[in-house]
Amino acid sequence: MPELPEVETVRRGLENHLLGRVIIHIELRRNDLRFPFPKDLQSEIEGRKVLAIDRRAKYLLIRLENDITWLCHLGMSGRWTLLGEGKSGVPGRFAYGAELGSGNGPHDWVVIYLDDGGKGVYSDHRRFGIMDIMNTNEEKTHKLLKNIGPEPTPNSLTPKYLADKLRGRKISIKSALLDQKIIAGLGNIYVCEILNRSGISPKRTADSVVGKSIISKHINNIVFQTHSVMTEAIDAGGSTLQDFRGVDGDNSLGYFPSSFMVYGREGKNCLNIECDSKIKRIIQSNRSTFYCPKCQR
């Protein structure tokens, strides 16, 4: 599943091409993705100018005229492709091959036609994506957004906040960091990396990491490393794994895997030069967890 850095990369790509454009027509080639499309999706989108493209956790929020917001979640395999003069089939950063998102593919479910002659194609062969429409002022009460925790950024995620949320929790620290009600947008890949950089075993309970009264060094480390990993991953364009792609470039997208310390490295030597251990993989909540048993305590 695309994680926050991947979704942010898609947001930036969409912003480059959709900002200021008017959506002339939207073509829906089925009635649903994970959930049925809203009945008023087409009527609310057509004829409106794109004013901004924001992100909340892993949700794209396309801001349209008259205080309308179009919500999009990429699910497991959703992707946007932008086509038009100078875009279609042109190799470059974030480019797709011609077979993906052409507008004529078997999994191209939503096509938007723009006032400059271009179009955007949403493809999703697993159909786990989500689309919804809402008044912008209803965002904080929207059923998919209202319970999401703060963004993993310095101005939102603080040691005190995280300590307060984790104190007394008996679940694993790995599961706690994946809980979207605690922190928005963190996924399996980046939590593995955050815990490794923090020197904390994913098997520890959340309350054991917090400490009893003062904010522990472990909490400070987790918050600092969360900020660092997210910034690095966004700057690198995410981690191109499996079905993830950007919106208008090639497979050069996603350089962060070159920075992986543990994820996907089962059985390989720990990259800490002072460590002679090998990376292990365990299953937690039906997900693979990668960690160094010597560096992470």
C-alpha atoms as a PDB file:
ATOM      1  CA  MET A   1       0.000   0.000   0.000  1.00  0.00           C
ATOM      2  CA  PRO A   2       1.334   3.492  -0.802  1.00  0.00           C
ATOM      3  CA  GLU A   3       2.402   5.179   2.418  1.00  0.00           C
ATOM      4  CA  LEU A   4       2.444   8.869   3.294  1.00  0.00           C
ATOM      5  CA  PRO A   5       5.623   9.776   1.328  1.00  0.00           C
ATOM      6  CA  GLU A   6       4.263   8.061  -1.788  1.00  0.00           C
ATOM      7  CA  VAL A   7       0.920   9.835  -1.477  1.00  0.00           C
ATOM      8  CA  GLU A   8       2.703  13.159  -0.957  1.00  0.00           C
ATOM      9  CA  THR A   9       4.721  12.496  -4.121  1.00  0.00           C
ATOM     10  CA  VAL A  10       1.500  11.850  -6.050  1.00  0.00           C
ATOM     11  CA  ARG A  11      -0.024  15.017  -4.556  1.00  0.00           C
ATOM     12  CA  ARG A  12       2.890  17.110  -5.797  1.00  0.00           C
ATOM     13  CA  GLY A  13       2.676  15.555  -9.248  1.00  0.00           C
ATOM     14  CA  LEU A  14      -1.060  16.213  -9.485  1.00  0.00           C
ATOM     15  CA  GLU A  15      -0.566  19.759  -8.260  1.00  0.00           C
ATOM     16  CA  ASN A  16       1.944  20.452 -11.033  1.00  0.00           C
ATOM     17  CA  HIS A  17      -0.589  19.568 -13.715  1.00  0.00           C
ATOM     18  CA  LEU A  18      -4.073  20.127 -12.288  1.00  0.00           C
ATOM     19  CA  LEU A  19      -3.752  23.389 -10.403  1.00  0.00           C
ATOM     20  CA  GLY A  20      -5.848  26.085 -12.109  1.00  0.00           C
ATOM     21  CA  ARG A  21      -7.366  23.642 -14.592  1.00  0.00           C
ATOM     22  CA  VAL A  22     -11.120  23.203 -15.044  1.00  0.00           C
ATOM     23  CA  ILE A  23     -12.497  19.662 -15.044  1.00  0.00           C
ATOM     24  CA  ILE A  24     -14.744  19.693 -18.105  1.00  0.00           C
ATOM     25  CA  HIS A  25     -16.001  16.136 -17.811  1.00  0.00           C
ATOM     26  CA  ILE A  26     -15.511  13.098 -15.581  1.00  0.00           C
ATOM     27  CA  GLU A  27     -16.072   9.611 -16.962  1.00  0.00           C
ATOM     28  CA  LEU A  28     -16.915   6.850 -14.458  1.00  0.00           C
ATOM     29  CA  ARG A  29     -16.444   3.429 -16.005  1.00  0.00           C
ATOM     30  CA  ARG A  30     -17.921   1.469 -13.107  1.00  0.00           C
ATOM     31  CA  ASN A  31     -20.174   2.227 -10.158  1.00  0.00           C
ATOM     32  CA  ASP A  32     -17.674   1.680  -7.370  1.00  0.00           C
ATOM     33  CA  LEU A  33     -14.164   1.050  -6.118  1.00  0.00           C
ATOM     34  CA  ARG A  34     -13.968  -0.169  -2.507  1.00  0.00           C
ATOM     35  CA  PHE A  35     -17.260   1.653  -1.936  1.00  0.00           C
ATOM     36  CA  PRO A  36     -19.881   2.949  -4.391  1.00  0.00           C
ATOM     37  CA  PHE A  37     -19.170   6.330  -5.946  1.00  0.00           C
ATOM     38  CA  PRO A  38     -21.305   9.135  -4.494  1.00  0.00           C
ATOM     39  CA  LYS A  39     -24.349   9.771  -6.677  1.00  0.00           C
ATOM     40  CA  ASP A  40     -23.411  13.432  -7.022  1.00  0.00           C
ATOM     41  CA  LEU A  41     -19.707  12.873  -7.777  1.00  0.00           C
ATOM     42  CA  GLN A  42     -20.030  13.739 -11.441  1.00  0.00           C
ATOM     43  CA  SER A  43     -22.314  16.740 -11.027  1.00  0.00           C
ATOM     44  CA  GLU A  44     -20.214  18.235  -8.207  1.00  0.00           C
ATOM     45  CA  ILE A  45     -16.906  17.928 -10.069  1.00  0.00           C
ATOM     46  CA  GLU A  46     -17.716  18.859 -13.645  1.00  0.00           C
ATOM     47  CA  GLY A  47     -17.191  22.493 -14.574  1.00  0.00           C
ATOM     48  CA  ARG A  48     -15.167  23.333 -11.473  1.00  0.00           C
ATOM     49  CA  LYS A  49     -11.640  24.719 -11.319  1.00  0.00           C
ATOM     50  CA  VAL A  50      -8.978  22.957  -9.243  1.00  0.00           C
ATOM     51  CA  LEU A  51      -7.884  25.481  -6.587  1.00  0.00           C
ATOM     52  CA  ALA A  52      -5.492  23.347  -4.529  1.00  0.00           C
ATOM     53  CA  ILE A  53      -4.461  19.768  -3.862  1.00  0.00           C
ATOM     54  CA  ASP A  54      -3.834  18.891  -0.236  1.00  0.00           C
ATOM     55  CA  ARG A  55      -3.151  15.702   1.677  1.00  0.00           C
ATOM     56  CA  ARG A  56      -4.393  14.404   5.030  1.00  0.00           C
ATOM     57  CA  ALA A  57      -2.578  11.235   6.101  1.00  0.00           C
ATOM     58  CA  LYS A  58      -2.888   8.967   3.030  1.00  0.00           C
ATOM     59  CA  TYR A  59      -5.890  10.812   1.566  1.00  0.00           C
ATOM     60  CA  LEU A  60      -5.607  13.196  -1.382  1.00  0.00           C
ATOM     61  CA  LEU A  61      -7.896  16.219  -1.062  1.00  0.00           C
ATOM     62  CA  ILE A  62      -8.573  17.961  -4.377  1.00  0.00           C
ATOM     63  CA  ARG A  63     -10.023  21.403  -3.616  1.00  0.00           C
ATOM     64  CA  LEU A  64     -12.512  22.675  -6.167  1.00  0.00           C
ATOM     65  CA  GLU A  65     -14.451  25.887  -6.624  1.00  0.00           C
ATOM     66  CA  ASN A  66     -17.459  26.615  -4.407  1.00  0.00           C
ATOM     67  CA  ASP A  67     -15.941  24.902  -1.357  1.00  0.00           C
ATOM     68  CA  ILE A  68     -16.081  21.388  -2.765  1.00  0.00           C
ATOM     69  CA  THR A  69     -13.403  18.826  -1.861  1.00  0.00           C
ATOM     70  CA  TRP A  70     -12.877  15.632  -3.838  1.00  0.00           C
ATOM     71  CA  LEU A  71     -11.356  12.954  -1.586  1.00  0.00           C
ATOM     72  CA  CYS A  72      -9.254  10.161  -3.080  1.00  0.00           C
ATOM     73  CA  HIS A  73      -7.465   7.256  -1.398  1.00  0.00           C
ATOM     74  CA  LEU A  74      -5.197   5.087  -3.547  1.00  0.00           C
ATOM     75  CA  GLY A  75      -5.942   1.885  -1.650  1.00  0.00           C
ATOM     76  CA  MET A  76      -3.498  -0.909  -2.441  1.00  0.00           C
ATOM     77  CA  SER A  77      -2.866  -0.267  -6.119  1.00  0.00           C
ATOM     78  CA  GLY A  78      -4.535   2.984  -7.165  1.00  0.00           C
ATOM     79  CA  ARG A  79      -2.605   5.365  -9.398  1.00  0.00           C
ATOM     80  CA  TRP A  80      -3.133   8.599 -11.262  1.00  0.00           C
ATOM     81  CA  THR A  81      -1.687   9.186 -14.721  1.00  0.00           C
ATOM     82  CA  LEU A  82      -1.775  12.549 -16.479  1.00  0.00           C
ATOM     83  CA  LEU A  83      -1.951  12.573 -20.253  1.00  0.00           C
ATOM     84  CA  GLY A  84      -1.800  15.342 -22.806  1.00  0.00           C
ATOM     85  CA  GLU A  85       0.586  17.215 -25.019  1.00  0.00           C
ATOM     86  CA  GLY A  86       4.124  16.692 -23.784  1.00  0.00           C
ATOM     87  CA  LYS A  87       3.084  14.081 -21.220  1.00  0.00           C
ATOM     88  CA  SER A  88       1.808  10.859 -22.754  1.00  0.00           C
ATOM     89  CA  GLY A  89       4.561   8.322 -23.389  1.00  0.00           C
ATOM     90  CA  VAL A  90       7.325  10.807 -22.659  1.00  0.00           C
ATOM     91  CA  PRO A  91       9.992   9.307 -20.362  1.00  0.00           C
ATOM     92  CA  GLY A  92      10.928  11.477 -17.445  1.00  0.00           C
ATOM     93  CA  ARG A  93      10.702  11.686 -13.733  1.00  0.00           C
ATOM     94  CA  PHE A  94       7.606   9.862 -12.428  1.00  0.00           C
ATOM     95  CA  ALA A  95       6.719   8.625 -15.953  1.00  0.00           C
ATOM     96  CA  TYR A  96       4.522   5.663 -16.618  1.00  0.00           C
ATOM     97  CA  GLY A  97       5.028   3.280 -19.463  1.00  0.00           C
ATOM     98  CA  ALA A  98       2.430   3.552 -22.180  1.00  0.00           C
ATOM     99  CA  GLU A  99       0.646   0.454 -20.892  1.00  0.00           C
ATOM    100  CA  LEU A 100      -0.251   2.071 -17.567  1.00  0.00           C
ATOM    101  CA  GLY A 101      -3.020   4.608 -17.235  1.00  0.00           C
ATOM    102  CA  SER A 102      -3.442   5.129 -20.971  1.00  0.00           C
ATOM    103  CA  GLY A 103      -7.154   5.749 -20.563  1.00  0.00           C
ATOM    104  CA  ASN A 104      -7.877   2.581 -22.517  1.00  0.00           C
ATOM    105  CA  GLY A 105      -6.635  -0.016 -20.051  1.00  0.00           C
ATOM    106  CA  PRO A 106      -8.803  -2.713 -18.446  1.00  0.00           C
ATOM    107  CA  HIS A 107      -8.378  -1.147 -15.002  1.00  0.00           C
ATOM    108  CA  ASP A 108      -8.738   2.551 -15.929  1.00  0.00           C
ATOM    109  CA  TRP A 109     -11.918   3.340 -13.994  1.00  0.00           C
ATOM    110  CA  VAL A 110     -12.062   7.146 -13.767  1.00  0.00           C
ATOM    111  CA  VAL A 111     -11.033   9.643 -16.440  1.00  0.00           C
ATOM    112  CA  ILE A 112     -11.159  13.421 -16.044  1.00  0.00           C
ATOM    113  CA  TYR A 113     -11.010  15.721 -19.085  1.00  0.00           C
ATOM    114  CA  LEU A 114      -9.390  19.119 -18.575  1.00  0.00           C
ATOM    115  CA  ASP A 115      -9.889  22.501 -20.214  1.00  0.00           C
ATOM    116  CA  ASP A 116      -6.357  22.435 -21.699  1.00  0.00           C
ATOM    117  CA  GLY A 117      -7.079  19.255 -23.648  1.00  0.00           C
ATOM    118  CA  GLY A 118      -5.316  16.986 -21.191  1.00  0.00           C
ATOM    119  CA  LYS A 119      -6.816  14.264 -19.065  1.00  0.00           C
ATOM    120  CA  GLY A 120      -6.175  12.414 -15.838  1.00  0.00           C
ATOM    121  CA  VAL A 121      -6.689   8.672 -15.524  1.00  0.00           C
ATOM    122  CA  TYR A 122      -7.255   6.829 -12.268  1.00  0.00           C
ATOM    123  CA  SER A 123      -6.366   3.124 -12.530  1.00  0.00           C
ATOM    124  CA  ASP A 124      -6.841   0.511  -9.821  1.00  0.00           C
ATOM    125  CA  HIS A 125      -6.714  -3.189 -10.658  1.00  0.00           C
ATOM    126  CA  ARG A 126      -7.483  -4.274  -7.082  1.00  0.00           C
ATOM    127  CA  ARG A 127     -10.206  -1.638  -6.669  1.00  0.00           C
ATOM    128  CA  PHE A 128      -9.371  -0.893  -3.027  1.00  0.00           C
ATOM    129  CA  GLY A 129      -9.292   2.841  -3.668  1.00  0.00           C
ATOM    130  CA  ILE A 130     -11.860   5.294  -2.329  1.00  0.00           C
ATOM    131  CA  MET A 131     -13.454   8.412  -3.796  1.00  0.00           C
ATOM    132  CA  ASP A 132     -15.886  10.732  -2.088  1.00  0.00           C
ATOM    133  CA  ILE A 133     -17.123  14.305  -2.363  1.00  0.00           C
ATOM    134  CA  MET A 134     -17.840  16.737   0.475  1.00  0.00           C
ATOM    135  CA  ASN A 135     -18.178  20.374   1.393  1.00  0.00           C
ATOM    136  CA  THR A 136     -14.748  21.577   2.426  1.00  0.00           C
ATOM    137  CA  ASN A 137     -16.000  22.857   5.780  1.00  0.00           C
ATOM    138  CA  GLU A 138     -17.155  19.307   6.634  1.00  0.00           C
ATOM    139  CA  GLU A 139     -13.661  17.844   6.393  1.00  0.00           C
ATOM    140  CA  LYS A 140     -13.027  17.589  10.144  1.00  0.00           C
ATOM    141  CA  THR A 141     -16.253  15.649  10.651  1.00  0.00           C
ATOM    142  CA  HIS A 142     -15.942  13.393   7.602  1.00  0.00           C
ATOM    143  CA  LYS A 143     -16.214   9.739   8.600  1.00  0.00           C
ATOM    144  CA  LEU A 144     -12.845   8.846   7.055  1.00  0.00           C
ATOM    145  CA  LEU A 145     -10.924  11.814   8.450  1.00  0.00           C
ATOM    146  CA  LYS A 146     -12.376  12.783  11.817  1.00  0.00           C
ATOM    147  CA  ASN A 147     -10.469  10.242  13.923  1.00  0.00           C
ATOM    148  CA  ILE A 148      -7.063  10.499  12.272  1.00  0.00           C
ATOM    149  CA  GLY A 149      -4.136  11.532  14.467  1.00  0.00           C
ATOM    150  CA  PRO A 150      -1.679  14.368  13.802  1.00  0.00           C
ATOM    151  CA  GLU A 151       0.645  14.420  10.810  1.00  0.00           C
ATOM    152  CA  PRO A 152       4.150  13.042  11.510  1.00  0.00           C
ATOM    153  CA  THR A 153       5.728  16.487  11.182  1.00  0.00           C
ATOM    154  CA  PRO A 154       7.568  18.648  13.750  1.00  0.00           C
ATOM    155  CA  ASN A 155       4.730  21.145  14.107  1.00  0.00           C
ATOM    156  CA  SER A 156       2.149  18.404  14.756  1.00  0.00           C
ATOM    157  CA  LEU A 157       3.804  15.360  16.344  1.00  0.00           C
ATOM    158  CA  THR A 158       5.511  16.153  19.665  1.00  0.00           C
ATOM    159  CA  PRO A 159       7.098  13.933  22.348  1.00  0.00           C
ATOM    160  CA  LYS A 160       4.492  14.973  24.895  1.00  0.00           C
ATOM    161  CA  TYR A 161       1.618  14.103  22.587  1.00  0.00           C
ATOM    162  CA  LEU A 162       3.062  10.672  21.781  1.00  0.00           C
ATOM    163  CA  ALA A 163       3.889   9.905  25.407  1.00  0.00           C
ATOM    164  CA  ASP A 164       0.343  10.777  26.462  1.00  0.00           C
ATOM    165  CA  LYS A 165      -1.137   8.540  23.743  1.00  0.00           C
ATOM    166  CA  LEU A 166       1.089   5.537  24.512  1.00  0.00           C
ATOM    167  CA  ARG A 167       1.136   5.597  28.298  1.00  0.00           C
ATOM    168  CA  GLY A 168      -0.592   2.506  29.676  1.00  0.00           C
ATOM    169  CA  ARG A 169      -0.939   0.824  26.268  1.00  0.00           C
ATOM    170  CA  LYS A 170       0.007  -2.872  26.331  1.00  0.00           C
ATOM    171  CA  ILE A 171       0.109  -3.337  22.554  1.00  0.00           C
ATOM    172  CA  SER A 172       3.470  -3.547  20.777  1.00  0.00           C
ATOM    173  CA  ILE A 173       5.166  -0.266  19.940  1.00  0.00           C
ATOM    174  CA  LYS A 174       5.082  -1.335  16.287  1.00  0.00           C
ATOM    175  CA  SER A 175       1.291  -1.707  16.346  1.00  0.00           C
ATOM    176  CA  ALA A 176       0.884   1.567  18.226  1.00  0.00           C
ATOM    177  CA  LEU A 177       2.839   3.545  15.633  1.00  0.00           C
ATOM    178  CA  LEU A 178       0.761   1.966  12.853  1.00  0.00           C
ATOM    179  CA  ASP A 179      -2.481   3.082  14.514  1.00  0.00           C
ATOM    180  CA  GLN A 180      -3.798   5.940  12.358  1.00  0.00           C
ATOM    181  CA  LYS A 181      -5.713   7.312  15.347  1.00  0.00           C
ATOM    182  CA  ILE A 182      -2.375   7.932  17.067  1.00  0.00           C
ATOM    183  CA  ILE A 183      -0.246   9.156  14.153  1.00  0.00           C
ATOM    184  CA  ALA A 184      -1.461   9.845  10.628  1.00  0.00           C
ATOM    185  CA  GLY A 185       0.049   8.178   7.615  1.00  0.00           C
ATOM    186  CA  LEU A 186       2.712   5.868   9.054  1.00  0.00           C
ATOM    187  CA  GLY A 187       2.841   2.469   7.375  1.00  0.00           C
ATOM    188  CA  ASN A 188       4.733  -0.766   7.801  1.00  0.00           C
ATOM    189  CA  ILE A 189       7.830   0.163   5.821  1.00  0.00           C
ATOM    190  CA  TYR A 190       8.601   3.393   7.581  1.00  0.00           C
ATOM    191  CA  VAL A 191       7.727   2.190  11.089  1.00  0.00           C
ATOM    192  CA  CYS A 192      10.303  -0.593  10.696  1.00  0.00           C
ATOM    193  CA  GLU A 193      12.897   2.014   9.739  1.00  0.00           C
ATOM    194  CA  ILE A 194      11.886   4.444  12.497  1.00  0.00           C
ATOM    195  CA  LEU A 195      12.201   1.783  15.201  1.00  0.00           C
ATOM    196  CA  ASN A 196      15.573   0.643  13.888  1.00  0.00           C
ATOM    197  CA  ARG A 197      16.960   4.168  13.869  1.00  0.00           C
ATOM    198  CA  SER A 198      15.551   4.662  17.357  1.00  0.00           C
ATOM    199  CA  GLY A 199      17.201   1.479  18.663  1.00  0.00           C
ATOM    200  CA  ILE A 200      13.886   0.091  19.923  1.00  0.00           C
ATOM    201  CA  SER A 201      12.694  -3.483  19.505  1.00  0.00           C
ATOM    202  CA  PRO A 202       9.341  -3.756  17.694  1.00  0.00           C
ATOM    203  CA  LYS A 203       8.356  -6.408  20.260  1.00  0.00           C
ATOM    204  CA  ARG A 204       8.393  -3.997  23.195  1.00  0.00           C
ATOM    205  CA  THR A 205       5.077  -2.789  24.535  1.00  0.00           C
ATOM    206  CA  ALA A 206       4.145   0.832  24.012  1.00  0.00           C
ATOM    207  CA  ASP A 207       3.954   1.591  27.726  1.00  0.00           C
ATOM    208  CA  SER A 208       7.451   0.177  28.342  1.00  0.00           C
ATOM    209  CA  VAL A 209       8.824   2.715  25.870  1.00  0.00           C
ATOM    210  CA  VAL A 210       7.059   5.685  27.442  1.00  0.00           C
ATOM    211  CA  GLY A 211       8.388   5.534  30.986  1.00  0.00           C
ATOM    212  CA  LYS A 212       6.482   6.313  34.154  1.00  0.00           C
ATOM    213  CA  SER A 213       6.496  10.088  34.466  1.00  0.00           C
ATOM    214  CA  ILE A 214       8.986  12.167  32.487  1.00  0.00           C
ATOM    215  CA  ILE A 215       9.171  11.870  28.725  1.00  0.00           C
ATOM    216  CA  SER A 216      11.691   9.099  28.050  1.00  0.00           C
ATOM    217  CA  LYS A 217      14.645   9.274  25.698  1.00  0.00           C
ATOM    218  CA  HIS A 218      12.959   6.519  23.689  1.00  0.00           C
ATOM    219  CA  ILE A 219       9.931   8.708  22.976  1.00  0.00           C
ATOM    220  CA  ASN A 220      12.173  11.614  22.018  1.00  0.00           C
ATOM    221  CA  ASN A 221      14.110   9.309  19.680  1.00  0.00           C
ATOM    222  CA  ILE A 222      10.959   7.945  18.050  1.00  0.00           C
ATOM    223  CA  VAL A 223       9.572  11.421  17.408  1.00  0.00           C
ATOM    224  CA  PHE A 224      12.884  12.728  16.059  1.00  0.00           C
ATOM    225  CA  GLN A 225      13.408   9.708  13.800  1.00  0.00           C
ATOM    226  CA  THR A 226       9.798   9.876  12.585  1.00  0.00           C
ATOM    227  CA  HIS A 227      10.347  13.462  11.471  1.00  0.00           C
ATOM    228  CA  SER A 228      13.660  12.534   9.837  1.00  0.00           C
ATOM    229  CA  VAL A 229      12.468   9.394   8.030  1.00  0.00           C
ATOM    230  CA  MET A 230       9.355  11.090   6.669  1.00  0.00           C
ATOM    231  CA  THR A 231      11.328  14.088   5.411  1.00  0.00           C
ATOM    232  CA  GLU A 232      13.962  11.896   3.768  1.00  0.00           C
ATOM    233  CA  ALA A 233      11.371   9.610   2.169  1.00  0.00           C
ATOM    234  CA  ILE A 234       9.330  12.510   0.772  1.00  0.00           C
ATOM    235  CA  ASP A 235      12.464  14.160  -0.603  1.00  0.00           C
ATOM    236  CA  ALA A 236      13.434  10.840  -2.215  1.00  0.00           C
ATOM    237  CA  GLY A 237      10.020  10.409  -3.849  1.00  0.00           C
ATOM    238  CA  GLY A 238       8.963   7.536  -1.637  1.00  0.00           C
ATOM    239  CA  SER A 239       9.759   3.855  -1.989  1.00  0.00           C
ATOM    240  CA  THR A 240       8.748   2.399  -5.335  1.00  0.00           C
ATOM    241  CA  LEU A 241       7.496  -1.008  -4.226  1.00  0.00           C
ATOM    242  CA  GLN A 242       5.130  -3.335  -6.098  1.00  0.00           C
ATOM    243  CA  ASP A 243       2.240  -1.320  -7.543  1.00  0.00           C
ATOM    244  CA  PHE A 244       3.230   2.199  -6.524  1.00  0.00           C
ATOM    245  CA  ARG A 245       3.922   4.833  -9.193  1.00  0.00           C
ATOM    246  CA  GLY A 246       3.924   8.608  -9.353  1.00  0.00           C
ATOM    247  CA  VAL A 247       1.725  10.516 -11.774  1.00  0.00           C
ATOM    248  CA  ASP A 248       3.819  11.518 -14.746  1.00  0.00           C
ATOM    249  CA  GLY A 249       7.313  10.010 -14.863  1.00  0.00           C
ATOM    250  CA  ASP A 250       9.411   6.815 -15.041  1.00  0.00           C
ATOM    251  CA  ASN A 251      10.659   4.159 -12.664  1.00  0.00           C
ATOM    252  CA  SER A 252      13.387   6.459 -11.413  1.00  0.00           C
ATOM    253  CA  LEU A 253      10.772   7.466  -8.828  1.00  0.00           C
ATOM    254  CA  GLY A 254      11.333   6.300  -5.295  1.00  0.00           C
ATOM    255  CA  TYR A 255      14.943   6.376  -4.148  1.00  0.00           C
ATOM    256  CA  PHE A 256      14.320   5.823  -0.435  1.00  0.00           C
ATOM    257  CA  PRO A 257      14.848   2.009  -0.582  1.00  0.00           C
ATOM    258  CA  SER A 258      18.558   2.752  -0.947  1.00  0.00           C
ATOM    259  CA  SER A 259      18.307   4.111   2.616  1.00  0.00           C
ATOM    260  CA  PHE A 260      16.565   1.069   4.107  1.00  0.00           C
ATOM    261  CA  MET A 261      18.413  -0.194   7.166  1.00  0.00           C
ATOM    262  CA  VAL A 262      16.158  -3.174   7.844  1.00  0.00           C
ATOM    263  CA  TYR A 263      13.062  -3.349   5.647  1.00  0.00           C
ATOM    264  CA  GLY A 264      13.248  -6.261   3.195  1.00  0.00           C
ATOM    265  CA  ARG A 265      16.738  -7.230   4.424  1.00  0.00           C
ATOM    266  CA  GLU A 266      15.975 -10.490   6.259  1.00  0.00           C
ATOM    267  CA  GLY A 267      19.130 -12.556   6.796  1.00  0.00           C
ATOM    268  CA  LYS A 268      21.468  -9.778   5.666  1.00  0.00           C
ATOM    269  CA  ASN A 269      24.125  -8.192   7.832  1.00  0.00           C
ATOM    270  CA  CYS A 270      23.100  -5.237   9.971  1.00  0.00           C
ATOM    271  CA  LEU A 271      24.392  -2.039   8.399  1.00  0.00           C
ATOM    272  CA  ASN A 272      25.608  -0.699  11.741  1.00  0.00           C
ATOM    273  CA  ILE A 273      29.383  -1.094  11.441  1.00  0.00           C
ATOM    274  CA  GLU A 274      29.616  -1.898  15.152  1.00  0.00           C
ATOM    275  CA  CYS A 275      27.089  -4.736  14.907  1.00  0.00           C
ATOM    276  CA  ASP A 276      27.754  -8.326  13.806  1.00  0.00           C
ATOM    277  CA  SER A 277      24.114  -9.435  13.841  1.00  0.00           C
ATOM    278  CA  LYS A 278      21.764 -10.205  10.955  1.00  0.00           C
ATOM    279  CA  ILE A 279      18.360  -8.707  10.234  1.00  0.00           C
ATOM    280  CA  LYS A 280      15.412 -10.800  11.388  1.00  0.00           C
ATOM    281  CA  ARG A 281      11.821 -10.905  10.192  1.00  0.00           C
ATOM    282  CA  ILE A 282       8.825 -11.676  12.395  1.00  0.00           C
ATOM    283  CA  ILE A 283       5.076 -11.395  11.813  1.00  0.00           C
ATOM    284  CA  GLN A 284       3.106  -8.872  13.863  1.00  0.00           C
ATOM    285  CA  SER A 285      -0.589  -8.336  13.200  1.00  0.00           C
ATOM    286  CA  ASN A 286      -0.242 -10.211   9.884  1.00  0.00           C
ATOM    287  CA  ARG A 287       2.548  -7.885   8.710  1.00  0.00           C
ATOM    288  CA  SER A 288       6.245  -8.508   8.272  1.00  0.00           C
ATOM    289  CA  THR A 289       8.460  -6.715  10.761  1.00  0.00           C
ATOM    290  CA  PHE A 290      12.178  -6.364  10.040  1.00  0.00           C
ATOM    291  CA  TYR A 291      14.616  -5.496  12.818  1.00  0.00           C
ATOM    292  CA  CYS A 292      18.100  -6.032  14.215  1.00  0.00           C
ATOM    293  CA  PRO A 293      17.899  -8.086  17.455  1.00  0.00           C
ATOM    294  CA  LYS A 294      21.194  -6.679  18.689  1.00  0.00           C
ATOM    295  CA  CYS A 295      20.786  -2.965  17.883  1.00  0.00           C
ATOM    296  CA  GLN A 296      17.117  -2.779  18.841  1.00  0.00           C
ATOM    297  CA  ARG A 297      16.373  -3.428  22.515  1.00  0.00           C
END
